[in-house]
Amino acid sequence: MSLHYGLEKFKAAIFNLVEPGDIHVRLQAAISQHLIHLSPSNDVAEIIKDQLQKLLEQYHDNCAEKINALSEIDAENLAKHIVDMHCQWLEFLH
């Protein structure tokens, strides 16, 4: 795909994360509906490539089950990590 595609998918994932509701459900949506479709080598900036690769490897299989097993704090930290990756990418662009 392209970097533009990657930015749009991250933006959509961030929108999932800020919706009301359970953090586990929001994380599942962000990852399984958007981030899982990205290719770290093609769709994101080099600055976050390795971080995204690690996240996708960790949550690719049994995403819902793995996210539901997270504590509330771990789920919040994962959401913050996703937002931070997006911010790193945007800062890199400027």
Protein backbone atom coordinates (compact mmCIF):
# COMPACT_ATOMS: atom_id res chain seq x y z
CA MET A 1 0.00 0.00 0.00
CA SER A 2 1.49 3.35 1.02
CA LEU A 3 2.40 5.68 3.84
CA HIS A 4 -0.84 7.56 3.26
CA TYR A 5 -2.76 4.32 3.77
CA GLY A 6 -0.82 3.69 6.97
CA LEU A 7 -1.59 7.14 8.33
CA GLU A 8 -5.29 6.68 7.59
CA LYS A 9 -5.33 3.30 9.33
CA PHE A 10 -3.58 4.75 12.39
CA LYS A 11 -6.03 7.65 12.45
CA ALA A 12 -8.96 5.21 12.34
CA ALA A 13 -7.37 3.15 15.13
CA ILE A 14 -6.97 6.29 17.27
CA PHE A 15 -10.64 7.12 16.72
CA ASN A 16 -11.51 3.62 17.98
CA LEU A 17 -9.39 4.18 21.07
CA VAL A 18 -11.12 7.43 22.05
CA GLU A 19 -14.68 6.14 21.69
CA PRO A 20 -16.66 5.52 24.86
CA GLY A 21 -16.74 2.03 26.27
CA ASP A 22 -14.52 -0.68 27.61
CA ILE A 23 -10.83 -0.22 26.83
CA HIS A 24 -10.46 -3.87 25.86
CA VAL A 25 -13.21 -3.60 23.23
CA ARG A 26 -11.72 -0.36 21.89
CA LEU A 27 -8.27 -1.93 21.64
CA GLN A 28 -9.63 -4.98 19.85
CA ALA A 29 -11.30 -2.72 17.30
CA ALA A 30 -8.22 -0.55 16.81
CA ILE A 31 -5.94 -3.52 16.25
CA SER A 32 -8.18 -6.01 14.45
CA GLN A 33 -10.03 -3.53 12.22
CA HIS A 34 -7.14 -1.24 11.35
CA LEU A 35 -3.58 -1.88 12.50
CA ILE A 36 -3.56 -5.58 11.62
CA HIS A 37 -3.98 -4.61 7.95
CA LEU A 38 -0.73 -2.64 7.86
CA SER A 39 2.56 -3.89 6.52
CA PRO A 40 5.31 -2.44 8.72
CA SER A 41 7.78 -2.56 5.85
CA ASN A 42 5.48 -0.72 3.41
CA ASP A 43 2.82 1.29 5.22
CA VAL A 44 4.54 3.12 8.07
CA ALA A 45 7.53 5.36 8.63
CA GLU A 46 10.83 3.74 9.52
CA ILE A 47 10.72 5.35 12.96
CA ILE A 48 7.84 3.10 14.12
CA LYS A 49 8.34 0.09 11.85
CA ASP A 50 9.89 -2.16 14.51
CA GLN A 51 7.38 -1.15 17.19
CA LEU A 52 4.45 -1.91 14.92
CA GLN A 53 5.98 -5.21 13.82
CA LYS A 54 6.30 -6.29 17.45
CA LEU A 55 2.71 -5.27 18.24
CA LEU A 56 1.34 -7.10 15.21
CA GLU A 57 3.31 -10.24 16.00
CA GLN A 58 2.02 -10.18 19.56
CA TYR A 59 -1.66 -9.66 18.71
CA HIS A 60 -2.05 -11.21 15.26
CA ASP A 61 -3.39 -14.55 16.51
CA ASN A 62 -6.20 -14.62 19.08
CA CYS A 63 -6.27 -10.84 19.31
CA ALA A 64 -9.51 -10.61 21.31
CA GLU A 65 -8.46 -13.31 23.75
CA LYS A 66 -5.05 -11.74 24.36
CA ILE A 67 -6.46 -8.25 24.82
CA ASN A 68 -9.20 -9.46 27.16
CA ALA A 69 -6.50 -11.09 29.30
CA LEU A 70 -4.80 -7.73 29.85
CA SER A 71 -5.30 -5.92 33.13
CA GLU A 72 -6.98 -2.52 32.92
CA ILE A 73 -3.61 -0.80 33.39
CA ASP A 74 -1.89 -2.94 30.74
CA ALA A 75 -4.73 -2.27 28.32
CA GLU A 76 -4.45 1.48 28.96
CA ASN A 77 -0.68 1.30 28.43
CA LEU A 78 -1.15 -0.54 25.15
CA ALA A 79 -3.60 2.13 23.97
CA LYS A 80 -1.12 4.84 24.97
CA HIS A 81 1.62 3.00 23.07
CA ILE A 82 -0.49 3.00 19.91
CA VAL A 83 -1.15 6.74 20.28
CA ASP A 84 2.54 7.32 20.97
CA MET A 85 3.56 5.48 17.79
CA HIS A 86 1.21 7.71 15.81
CA CYS A 87 2.66 10.81 17.50
CA GLN A 88 6.24 9.68 16.78
CA TRP A 89 5.33 9.28 13.13
CA LEU A 90 3.71 12.72 12.94
CA GLU A 91 6.66 14.37 14.69
CA PHE A 92 8.99 12.61 12.26
CA LEU A 93 7.08 14.18 9.35
CA HIS A 94 7.59 17.71 10.63
